[in-house]
Protein backbone atom coordinates (compact mmCIF):
# COMPACT_ATOMS: atom_id res chain seq x y z
CA MET A 1 38.56 -26.62 47.62
CA CYS A 2 39.52 -23.29 46.26
CA PRO A 3 36.49 -20.88 46.32
CA ILE A 4 37.34 -19.22 43.23
CA PHE A 5 37.86 -22.68 41.33
CA CYS A 6 34.54 -23.55 42.83
CA MET A 7 32.81 -20.50 41.35
CA TRP A 8 34.50 -21.03 38.24
CA LEU A 9 33.22 -24.60 38.27
CA LEU A 10 29.39 -23.89 39.07
CA ILE A 11 29.75 -21.00 35.98
CA ALA A 12 30.68 -23.51 33.98
CA GLY A 13 28.25 -26.33 34.90
CA PHE A 14 25.50 -23.32 34.60
CA LEU A 15 26.82 -22.79 31.05
CA ALA A 16 26.78 -26.50 30.43
CA LEU A 17 23.20 -26.70 31.18
CA VAL A 18 21.99 -23.47 29.43
CA TYR A 19 23.88 -25.05 26.35
CA VAL A 20 21.89 -28.38 26.91
CA PHE A 21 18.86 -26.81 27.06
CA LEU A 22 19.45 -24.69 24.04
CA THR A 23 20.45 -27.86 21.75
CA TRP A 24 19.35 -30.73 22.92
CA ASN A 25 16.47 -31.30 20.40
CA PHE A 26 18.63 -30.06 17.55
CA ASP A 27 18.58 -33.49 16.08
CA TYR A 28 14.34 -33.49 15.93
CA TRP A 29 14.05 -33.34 12.03
CA ARG A 30 16.82 -35.61 11.13
CA LYS A 31 15.52 -38.22 13.27
CA ARG A 32 12.46 -37.92 11.05
CA GLY A 33 14.23 -38.01 8.15
CA ILE A 34 14.15 -34.47 7.14
CA GLU A 35 17.49 -32.52 6.26
CA THR A 36 18.17 -29.71 9.05
CA ALA A 37 19.54 -26.59 7.92
CA ALA A 38 23.18 -25.57 10.40
CA SER A 39 21.57 -24.50 13.63
CA TRP A 40 23.44 -22.78 16.68
CA PRO A 41 22.49 -22.18 20.43
CA PHE A 42 20.50 -19.40 21.00
CA VAL A 43 20.16 -18.20 17.46
CA GLY A 44 19.14 -21.44 16.03
CA SER A 45 18.72 -21.23 12.08
CA PHE A 46 18.37 -17.49 11.76
CA PRO A 47 21.65 -15.84 13.73
CA SER A 48 20.39 -12.41 11.87
CA THR A 49 17.62 -12.30 14.43
CA PHE A 50 20.50 -11.30 17.22
CA THR A 51 23.02 -9.78 15.08
CA LYS A 52 21.43 -7.46 12.84
CA LYS A 53 24.13 -7.43 10.74
CA ARG A 54 21.26 -8.19 7.82
CA ASN A 55 17.49 -8.48 7.10
CA VAL A 56 16.44 -12.38 8.79
CA ALA A 57 14.92 -13.00 5.32
CA TYR A 58 18.67 -13.12 4.04
CA ASP A 59 19.05 -16.23 6.75
CA ILE A 60 16.24 -17.88 5.13
CA ASP A 61 17.72 -17.74 1.09
CA ASP A 62 20.51 -18.57 2.27
CA ILE A 63 18.79 -22.06 3.24
CA TYR A 64 16.27 -21.89 0.43
CA GLN A 65 19.14 -22.12 -2.19
CA GLN A 66 20.63 -24.64 -0.44
CA TYR A 67 18.07 -26.97 -0.57
CA LYS A 68 15.32 -26.43 -3.06
CA GLU A 69 17.11 -28.57 -5.94
CA THR A 70 17.08 -31.47 -3.37
CA ASP A 71 14.12 -30.97 -0.96
CA LYS A 72 10.97 -29.97 -0.93
CA MET A 73 11.24 -29.09 2.63
CA VAL A 74 14.06 -28.45 5.50
CA GLY A 75 13.97 -28.65 9.16
CA VAL A 76 15.00 -25.15 10.81
CA PHE A 77 15.26 -23.83 14.70
CA THR A 78 13.76 -20.97 15.60
CA THR A 79 16.39 -20.20 18.73
CA ARG A 80 15.67 -23.82 20.10
CA ARG A 81 11.75 -24.60 18.70
CA PRO A 82 12.10 -27.14 15.59
CA GLN A 83 10.02 -25.86 12.21
CA LEU A 84 9.59 -26.89 8.93
CA LEU A 85 10.81 -24.55 5.99
CA VAL A 86 8.65 -25.62 3.40
CA ILE A 87 10.39 -24.94 -0.17
CA CYS A 88 8.01 -26.47 -2.28
CA PRO A 89 5.35 -24.39 -4.42
CA GLU A 90 3.13 -27.18 -4.25
CA TYR A 91 2.85 -27.50 -0.90
CA ILE A 92 2.69 -24.02 -0.54
CA ASN A 93 -0.48 -23.77 -2.34
CA LYS A 94 -2.05 -26.58 -0.92
CA ILE A 95 -1.21 -25.26 2.93
CA TYR A 96 -2.64 -21.68 1.72
CA ALA A 97 -5.60 -22.71 -0.26
CA SER A 98 -6.67 -26.40 -1.14
CA ASP A 99 -5.45 -28.04 2.33
CA PHE A 100 -5.91 -25.00 4.21
CA ARG A 101 -7.98 -26.77 6.97
CA SER A 102 -5.07 -28.18 7.96
CA PHE A 103 -3.47 -24.92 8.25
CA ARG A 104 -5.84 -22.24 8.91
CA ASP A 105 -4.29 -20.56 12.06
CA ASN A 106 -1.48 -17.92 12.11
CA GLU A 107 1.60 -18.72 14.52
CA ARG A 108 1.62 -15.23 15.36
CA GLY A 109 -1.55 -15.63 17.32
CA ASN A 110 0.31 -17.78 19.85
CA PHE A 111 2.33 -14.66 20.96
CA VAL A 112 -0.91 -12.32 21.37
CA ASP A 113 -3.33 -12.31 24.53
CA LYS A 114 -6.25 -10.46 23.40
CA LYS A 115 -7.24 -9.49 26.99
CA VAL A 116 -4.04 -7.67 27.04
CA ASP A 117 -3.72 -6.56 23.30
CA LYS A 118 -7.44 -6.01 22.79
CA ILE A 119 -6.76 -4.08 19.28
CA LEU A 120 -4.39 -6.53 17.75
CA GLY A 121 -5.47 -9.76 19.90
CA ASN A 122 -9.27 -9.14 17.82
CA ASN A 123 -7.72 -8.87 14.60
CA PRO A 124 -8.72 -11.33 11.50
CA PHE A 125 -5.47 -12.02 11.31
CA ILE A 126 -4.13 -13.09 14.63
CA LEU A 127 -7.73 -14.64 15.90
CA LYS A 128 -7.48 -18.92 15.66
CA GLY A 129 -9.96 -21.31 15.45
CA ASP A 130 -13.90 -20.35 14.74
CA GLU A 131 -13.11 -16.96 15.67
CA TRP A 132 -11.24 -15.81 12.14
CA LYS A 133 -13.46 -16.88 10.56
CA GLU A 134 -16.71 -15.10 12.82
CA ARG A 135 -14.60 -11.71 12.56
CA ARG A 136 -13.50 -11.98 8.68
CA ALA A 137 -17.38 -12.60 8.16
CA GLU A 138 -18.18 -9.40 9.57
CA ILE A 139 -15.79 -7.43 8.51
CA THR A 140 -15.31 -8.03 4.93
CA PRO A 141 -18.71 -7.06 3.63
CA GLY A 142 -17.31 -3.29 5.01
CA LEU A 143 -14.78 -3.30 2.53
CA SER A 144 -16.99 -4.79 -0.69
CA LEU A 145 -16.59 -3.13 -4.12
CA ASN A 146 -19.61 -0.80 -3.59
CA ARG A 147 -18.10 0.71 -0.63
CA VAL A 148 -14.71 1.11 -1.72
CA LYS A 149 -16.56 3.15 -4.72
CA ALA A 150 -18.50 5.08 -2.02
CA VAL A 151 -15.26 6.60 -0.24
CA TYR A 152 -13.25 6.60 -3.98
CA PRO A 153 -14.85 10.72 -4.24
CA VAL A 154 -12.81 11.16 -0.13
CA SER A 155 -9.69 9.69 -1.90
CA GLN A 156 -9.59 11.50 -4.53
CA SER A 157 -9.82 14.78 -2.62
CA VAL A 158 -7.34 13.47 -0.02
CA CYS A 159 -4.80 12.79 -2.91
CA LYS A 160 -5.51 16.53 -4.36
CA LYS A 161 -4.08 18.03 -1.27
CA PHE A 162 -1.66 15.48 -1.06
CA VAL A 163 -0.26 16.36 -4.00
CA ASP A 164 -0.42 20.27 -3.03
CA TYR A 165 1.63 18.86 0.21
CA ILE A 166 4.11 17.63 -1.97
CA LYS A 167 4.83 20.87 -3.85
CA ARG A 168 5.35 22.51 -0.52
CA GLN A 169 7.71 20.01 0.76
CA GLN A 170 9.57 19.95 -2.69
CA ARG A 171 9.76 23.70 -2.22
CA MET A 172 11.55 23.21 0.76
CA ALA A 173 13.50 20.52 0.90
CA THR A 174 17.34 20.03 1.12
CA THR A 175 19.46 18.65 -1.21
CA GLN A 176 18.79 15.02 0.18
CA GLY A 177 15.38 15.15 -1.35
CA LEU A 178 12.15 14.30 0.68
CA ASP A 179 11.63 10.87 2.74
CA ALA A 180 9.11 8.81 0.34
CA LYS A 181 7.92 6.79 3.48
CA LYS A 182 7.29 9.30 5.63
CA LEU A 183 4.80 11.44 2.38
CA SER A 184 3.27 7.76 1.91
CA LEU A 185 2.80 7.28 6.05
CA CYS A 186 1.41 10.88 5.82
CA TYR A 187 -1.10 9.87 2.75
CA THR A 188 -2.16 6.93 4.01
CA THR A 189 -2.82 8.21 7.95
CA GLU A 190 -5.39 10.58 6.13
CA VAL A 191 -7.09 8.71 3.49
CA VAL A 192 -7.45 5.60 5.97
CA SER A 193 -8.24 8.16 8.56
CA ASP A 194 -11.29 9.65 6.14
CA CYS A 195 -12.22 6.50 4.80
CA VAL A 196 -12.67 4.70 7.55
CA LEU A 197 -14.19 7.18 10.03
CA GLY A 198 -14.77 10.50 8.43
CA ILE A 199 -12.39 12.62 10.29
CA SER A 200 -9.20 14.27 9.39
CA ALA A 201 -5.86 13.74 11.01
CA GLN A 202 -4.42 16.77 9.47
CA SER A 203 -1.85 15.02 7.94
CA PHE A 204 -0.63 17.76 5.73
CA THR A 205 -0.23 20.46 7.68
CA ASP A 206 2.22 21.77 10.22
CA THR A 207 -0.29 20.87 13.49
CA PRO A 208 -1.14 16.99 12.42
CA THR A 209 -3.36 15.20 15.06
CA PRO A 210 -1.76 12.98 17.44
CA LEU A 211 -2.86 10.16 15.35
CA VAL A 212 0.04 10.35 12.89
CA ALA A 213 2.32 10.25 15.62
CA MET A 214 0.83 7.84 17.66
CA ILE A 215 0.51 5.13 14.70
CA GLN A 216 4.23 5.86 13.93
CA ARG A 217 5.06 5.24 17.70
CA VAL A 218 2.69 2.13 17.90
CA PHE A 219 4.91 0.46 14.46
CA ASN A 220 8.44 1.78 15.57
CA SER A 221 8.03 -0.36 19.07
CA SER A 222 7.42 -3.64 16.80
CA SER A 223 10.69 -4.71 17.65
CA LYS A 224 10.28 -5.15 21.35
CA PHE A 225 7.35 -7.38 19.75
CA ILE A 226 9.48 -8.98 17.81
CA LEU A 227 12.28 -9.68 21.11
CA TYR A 228 9.30 -10.86 23.34
CA SER A 229 8.50 -13.71 20.34
CA VAL A 230 11.79 -14.51 20.51
CA LEU A 231 11.73 -15.05 24.29
CA ALA A 232 8.74 -17.15 23.80
CA ASN A 233 10.50 -19.33 21.31
CA ILE A 234 13.06 -20.03 23.76
CA TRP A 235 10.63 -20.47 26.92
CA PRO A 236 6.88 -20.92 25.56
CA PRO A 237 5.81 -21.26 29.02
CA ILE A 238 6.65 -17.69 29.43
CA ARG A 239 3.25 -16.69 27.45
CA LYS A 240 1.14 -18.22 30.14
CA PHE A 241 2.11 -14.66 32.80
CA TYR A 242 3.39 -12.13 30.93
CA SER A 243 2.38 -10.65 26.90
CA LEU A 244 3.61 -7.83 25.74
CA PRO A 245 1.20 -5.60 23.86
CA LEU A 246 2.17 -4.34 20.29
CA PHE A 247 -0.96 -1.51 21.05
CA ASN A 248 0.10 -0.86 24.96
CA GLU A 249 -1.97 1.00 27.55
CA GLU A 250 -1.40 4.50 26.07
CA ALA A 251 -2.15 3.85 22.49
CA GLU A 252 -4.71 1.66 23.37
CA GLU A 253 -6.98 4.16 25.11
CA PHE A 254 -5.92 7.24 22.55
CA PHE A 255 -7.64 4.87 19.72
CA PHE A 256 -10.49 3.78 22.12
CA ASP A 257 -10.99 7.95 22.71
CA ILE A 258 -10.80 8.63 19.04
CA MET A 259 -13.36 6.15 18.06
CA SER A 260 -15.87 7.26 20.91
CA ARG A 261 -15.35 10.99 19.56
CA CYS A 262 -16.42 9.72 15.90
CA LEU A 263 -19.29 7.40 17.03
CA LYS A 264 -20.75 10.43 18.90
CA LEU A 265 -20.40 13.04 16.06
CA ARG A 266 -21.66 10.47 13.45
CA ARG A 267 -24.84 9.67 16.00
CA GLU A 268 -25.64 13.58 16.60
CA LYS A 269 -25.32 14.03 12.77
CA PRO A 270 -27.21 11.62 10.88
CA GLU A 271 -28.08 14.03 8.33
CA GLU A 272 -23.92 13.81 7.32
CA GLN A 273 -24.09 10.14 7.21
CA ARG A 274 -22.27 8.05 4.06
CA ASP A 275 -21.73 4.90 2.83
CA ASP A 276 -18.40 4.18 4.69
CA PHE A 277 -16.80 1.75 6.88
CA LEU A 278 -18.02 3.37 10.33
CA ASN A 279 -21.51 3.76 9.00
CA TYR A 280 -21.21 -0.48 8.05
CA MET A 281 -19.83 -0.63 11.34
CA LEU A 282 -22.97 0.97 12.98
CA GLN A 283 -24.86 -1.13 11.15
CA LEU A 284 -23.17 -3.81 12.69
CA GLN A 285 -23.42 -2.89 15.80
CA GLU A 286 -27.22 -2.30 15.94
CA LYS A 287 -28.03 -5.97 14.48
CA LYS A 288 -25.19 -7.82 16.86
CA GLY A 289 -25.88 -6.19 19.79
CA LEU A 290 -21.41 -5.39 19.90
CA ASP A 291 -21.18 -2.54 22.51
CA GLU A 292 -18.86 0.38 22.08
CA SER A 293 -15.69 -1.38 23.24
CA GLU A 294 -16.12 -4.39 20.64
CA LEU A 295 -17.32 -1.64 18.14
CA THR A 296 -13.79 0.29 18.42
CA VAL A 297 -11.97 -3.43 18.31
CA HIS A 298 -14.10 -4.47 14.84
CA THR A 299 -13.00 -0.78 13.44
CA MET A 300 -9.41 -0.91 14.36
CA THR A 301 -8.87 -3.60 11.85
CA PHE A 302 -9.88 -1.30 8.75
CA LEU A 303 -7.32 1.12 10.61
CA THR A 304 -3.96 -0.50 11.80
CA ASP A 305 -4.28 -2.81 8.82
CA GLY A 306 -4.46 0.02 6.32
CA PHE A 307 -1.46 2.42 7.59
CA GLU A 308 2.01 0.73 7.59
CA THR A 309 1.89 -2.03 5.03
CA THR A 310 0.27 0.57 2.01
CA ALA A 311 2.51 3.45 3.10
CA LEU A 312 5.40 1.23 2.31
CA VAL A 313 3.87 -0.42 -0.73
CA LEU A 314 3.40 3.26 -2.20
CA SER A 315 7.28 4.53 -1.42
CA HIS A 316 8.53 1.42 -2.81
CA THR A 317 6.41 2.15 -6.01
CA LEU A 318 7.08 5.44 -6.14
CA LEU A 319 11.03 4.02 -5.95
CA MET A 320 10.98 1.63 -8.68
CA LEU A 321 9.02 4.57 -11.09
CA ALA A 322 11.37 7.06 -10.22
CA ARG A 323 14.44 4.35 -11.44
CA HIS A 324 12.54 3.43 -14.86
CA PRO A 325 11.87 6.38 -16.14
CA GLU A 326 10.48 4.27 -19.36
CA GLN A 327 8.01 2.95 -17.43
CA GLN A 328 6.81 5.77 -15.45
CA GLN A 329 5.69 7.59 -18.59
CA LYS A 330 4.33 4.42 -19.51
CA VAL A 331 2.00 4.73 -16.80
CA ARG A 332 1.19 8.69 -17.27
CA ASP A 333 0.30 7.66 -20.87
CA GLU A 334 -2.15 4.96 -19.54
CA ILE A 335 -3.80 7.50 -16.86
CA GLY A 336 -4.05 10.44 -19.47
CA LYS A 337 -4.96 13.68 -18.20
CA ALA A 338 -9.06 13.48 -17.50
CA GLU A 339 -10.52 12.88 -13.72
CA LEU A 340 -10.91 9.21 -13.57
CA SER A 341 -13.87 7.58 -12.49
CA PHE A 342 -13.64 4.59 -9.87
CA GLU A 343 -14.36 2.13 -12.92
CA GLN A 344 -11.68 3.92 -15.06
CA LEU A 345 -9.58 3.61 -12.41
CA THR A 346 -9.88 -0.14 -11.76
CA GLU A 347 -8.73 -0.57 -15.72
CA LEU A 348 -5.57 0.94 -15.31
CA PRO A 349 -3.34 -2.49 -16.34
CA TYR A 350 -0.17 -1.23 -16.12
CA LEU A 351 -0.16 0.80 -13.40
CA GLU A 352 -1.86 -2.17 -11.73
CA ALA A 353 1.23 -4.45 -12.97
CA CYS A 354 3.67 -1.64 -11.83
CA ILE A 355 2.36 -2.00 -8.23
CA HIS A 356 2.40 -6.17 -8.38
CA GLU A 357 5.91 -5.89 -9.53
CA THR A 358 6.72 -3.77 -6.65
CA LEU A 359 4.89 -6.03 -4.30
CA ARG A 360 7.17 -8.92 -5.65
CA LEU A 361 10.33 -7.13 -5.32
CA PHE A 362 9.36 -5.51 -1.44
CA SER A 363 6.59 -7.63 -0.15
CA PRO A 364 5.69 -6.41 3.54
CA GLN A 365 5.50 -9.86 4.44
CA LEU A 366 8.98 -11.76 3.54
CA THR A 367 8.04 -14.78 5.49
CA ALA A 368 4.32 -16.45 6.94
CA ARG A 369 4.65 -18.69 9.37
CA LYS A 370 1.51 -20.99 9.33
CA LEU A 371 0.10 -23.36 12.62
CA VAL A 372 -0.45 -27.10 12.11
CA THR A 373 -4.32 -27.59 12.95
CA GLU A 374 -5.38 -30.77 11.52
CA ALA A 375 -2.46 -33.51 11.09
CA TYR A 376 -0.99 -33.79 7.62
CA GLU A 377 1.26 -35.64 5.73
CA LEU A 378 3.93 -34.58 3.27
CA THR A 379 6.65 -36.54 0.91
CA ASN A 380 9.87 -35.29 0.27
CA LYS A 381 11.59 -35.61 -3.23
CA ASN A 382 13.41 -38.83 -2.14
CA GLY A 383 9.48 -40.38 -1.14
CA SER A 384 10.24 -40.16 2.41
CA PRO A 385 7.21 -38.82 4.14
CA LEU A 386 6.85 -36.45 7.47
CA ARG A 387 3.74 -36.30 9.25
CA LEU A 388 2.85 -32.78 10.72
CA ASN A 389 1.19 -32.87 13.84
CA PRO A 390 -1.52 -29.88 15.02
CA GLY A 391 0.82 -27.27 16.88
CA ASP A 392 3.60 -27.62 14.44
CA VAL A 393 5.21 -24.62 12.82
CA VAL A 394 5.59 -24.25 8.62
CA ILE A 395 7.61 -21.23 7.54
CA ILE A 396 6.66 -19.93 4.04
CA PRO A 397 10.19 -18.35 2.60
CA VAL A 398 7.84 -15.45 0.43
CA ASN A 399 10.99 -13.34 -0.29
CA SER A 400 12.73 -16.12 -1.43
CA LEU A 401 10.14 -17.16 -4.13
CA HIS A 402 9.63 -14.07 -5.41
CA HIS A 403 12.96 -13.85 -6.55
CA ASP A 404 13.54 -17.25 -7.55
CA SER A 405 14.79 -17.17 -11.64
CA GLN A 406 13.35 -20.82 -11.92
CA TYR A 407 9.51 -18.84 -11.49
CA TYR A 408 10.42 -15.35 -12.40
CA GLU A 409 13.07 -14.54 -15.26
CA ASN A 410 15.59 -12.07 -14.06
CA PRO A 411 14.14 -11.63 -10.83
CA HIS A 412 16.10 -8.40 -9.24
CA GLU A 413 14.57 -6.51 -12.37
CA PHE A 414 11.42 -4.12 -12.48
CA ARG A 415 9.35 -5.87 -14.79
CA PRO A 416 5.97 -5.15 -14.35
CA GLU A 417 5.06 -6.69 -17.83
CA ARG A 418 5.02 -10.00 -16.27
CA PHE A 419 1.65 -8.76 -14.07
CA LEU A 420 -0.64 -8.45 -17.54
CA GLU A 421 -2.79 -10.44 -18.37
CA ALA A 422 -1.38 -11.45 -21.69
CA ASN A 423 1.27 -12.97 -19.80
CA GLY A 424 -1.05 -14.77 -17.16
CA GLY A 425 -1.18 -11.94 -14.89
CA VAL A 426 -1.43 -12.38 -10.90
CA LYS A 427 -3.34 -15.27 -11.04
CA LYS A 428 -0.77 -17.31 -12.99
CA TYR A 429 1.96 -16.63 -10.26
CA ARG A 430 -0.60 -17.16 -7.43
CA ASP A 431 -1.65 -20.64 -8.91
CA GLN A 432 2.03 -21.83 -8.54
CA GLY A 433 2.16 -20.64 -5.05
CA VAL A 434 4.85 -18.27 -6.12
CA TYR A 435 3.38 -14.74 -5.26
CA LEU A 436 2.24 -14.33 -1.74
CA PRO A 437 2.50 -10.43 -0.49
CA PHE A 438 -1.29 -10.59 0.67
CA GLY A 439 -0.98 -14.37 1.00
CA ASN A 440 -3.75 -16.79 -0.55
CA GLY A 441 -6.47 -18.74 -0.01
CA PRO A 442 -9.41 -18.31 2.88
CA ARG A 443 -7.15 -15.78 4.94
CA ILE A 444 -6.11 -13.81 2.03
CA CYS A 445 -6.15 -10.36 2.91
CA PRO A 446 -9.46 -8.99 3.23
CA GLY A 447 -8.28 -4.98 2.50
CA ILE A 448 -6.70 -5.87 -0.83
CA ARG A 449 -9.25 -4.08 -3.12
CA PHE A 450 -9.50 -1.23 -0.67
CA ALA A 451 -5.60 -0.82 -0.28
CA LEU A 452 -5.12 -1.22 -4.39
CA THR A 453 -7.56 1.68 -4.73
CA GLN A 454 -5.73 4.06 -2.42
CA LEU A 455 -2.51 3.24 -3.95
CA LYS A 456 -3.79 3.72 -7.95
CA ALA A 457 -5.41 6.76 -6.63
CA ALA A 458 -2.19 8.59 -4.93
CA LEU A 459 0.13 7.20 -8.19
CA VAL A 460 -2.54 8.92 -10.71
CA GLU A 461 -2.79 12.28 -8.80
CA ILE A 462 1.14 12.26 -8.14
CA LEU A 463 2.01 11.16 -11.66
CA ARG A 464 0.12 14.09 -13.30
CA SER A 465 1.81 16.54 -11.15
CA PHE A 466 5.01 15.58 -10.69
CA ASP A 467 8.50 13.71 -12.96
CA ILE A 468 9.64 11.46 -9.91
CA HIS A 469 13.61 11.04 -9.47
CA VAL A 470 15.58 9.11 -7.47
CA ASN A 471 17.75 11.42 -5.10
CA PRO A 472 21.72 10.05 -5.34
CA LYS A 473 21.37 9.53 -1.28
CA THR A 474 19.21 6.79 -1.94
CA ARG A 475 21.18 3.38 -2.35
CA SER A 476 20.85 1.70 -5.91
CA ASP A 477 20.19 -2.22 -4.97
CA ASN A 478 17.10 -3.49 -3.37
CA ARG A 479 19.16 -4.40 0.08
CA LEU A 480 16.70 -4.70 2.98
CA ASN A 481 16.84 -3.08 5.85
CA ASP A 482 18.63 -4.94 8.59
CA THR A 483 16.61 -4.65 11.29
CA PHE A 484 12.58 -3.79 10.22
CA CYS A 485 10.44 -7.08 10.15
CA TRP A 486 8.65 -5.56 6.74
CA ALA A 487 10.48 -5.54 3.50
CA THR A 488 12.12 -1.62 3.41
CA LEU A 489 14.79 -0.61 1.12
CA LYS A 490 18.00 -0.12 3.90
CA GLY A 491 19.00 3.28 3.88
CA GLY A 492 15.51 4.65 3.25
CA ILE A 493 14.17 6.33 -0.44
CA TRP A 494 14.88 9.40 -1.20
CA LEU A 495 13.29 10.96 -3.86
CA GLU A 496 12.72 14.66 -6.14
CA PHE A 497 9.47 15.85 -7.16
CA THR A 498 9.91 18.27 -10.13
CA GLU A 499 6.47 19.81 -11.27
CA ARG A 500 4.94 19.26 -14.50
């Protein structure tokens, strides 16, 4: 037999085996009486994960739109692993809240080894079982209303520096305007560092500390982390002998060193104590007998959860207000000209409605993936039951729900009024299971109050000081970035700030 023919025969046989490996279970959901979305070898139901031609949220939305009138759930495949896309808001609300016990873990916890990635692996969002509950119970008091109020003067001081920084940047700006995401990340880095650790990241100077660059490096490398997750879905045993940390060894050492320095400084100068998050963690260390490594890991939750996501929300809120001068002026009229106390800041309903409407349009969390932890039965629209078993994964199409005209009139328009208390407020949509930027139920984001305070404080100072306009470089639609895992406008947000 010809050697070349044999070689091609071997190649064909190998490819056939690969094809079978990738597709052999594509009838998994049909056997269980559930409609299945179109799926392909290697890419499963979400080809954009690999093609990068559009955001994966649009793949999910295509499936959502196709099945939402006929089914409460639809089978999908993440690479070759069967998972369930839940479409029905009633079930989604049960998954998050009333029947939380059966869905208490997040799938992301399957891909993180806390021994390899100490910082991310010990985050309450990642932890599973009783560990997340214990860690959350330890962290939540540090985010109490009184502690957020205690650091509000720090936030105000940072906001004033932020405004001066924008003024300087605008004077040097080119015709392309200013990068709102970059500006916002400078702010969140500075305010979180100061409120949590009591140090300045020097974000508004020409020589920022390495903290700014390190944060950007960590989150910009998240694409590698996503690729690892994809490979682990194709071949789950890889998780047993290899784990890719989001915080690599260099980043881990960097943050541990910062914490060590801050702790030393705080202990050496007890007269400078303040009722902030680090002070709370020191109290927790004494109470729980935590070593410095454990204390660092705990405190990093406050830091890492506040940088990127809050910057995204701030930059998109600025974009929405710049696009809508009438709403921008409404906020300006609401905040007035006088310095606001913490209590007054919490009573700005229209500003808060603008933030929530921005979160609806650009939710940092485009989808959520929950692990089944206890057997649970769902019933489809046709009456057929489906039993889910521990280890199964359900996908929540957050972005699709937020843009569904069945729940939001003219869903692609910026209408803050829909979140005013007179119209039912946030609770109305959250209780329906259709507003989920922070999640819901027992594992709802613990830092909501802190994040909203930092957002409102920054927006108040900016709107008092500037008229905000959209630079022509910024696209006019809400098209999502093709590859970023969180919601952000494709092409970036470029704004112009005119001093008032």
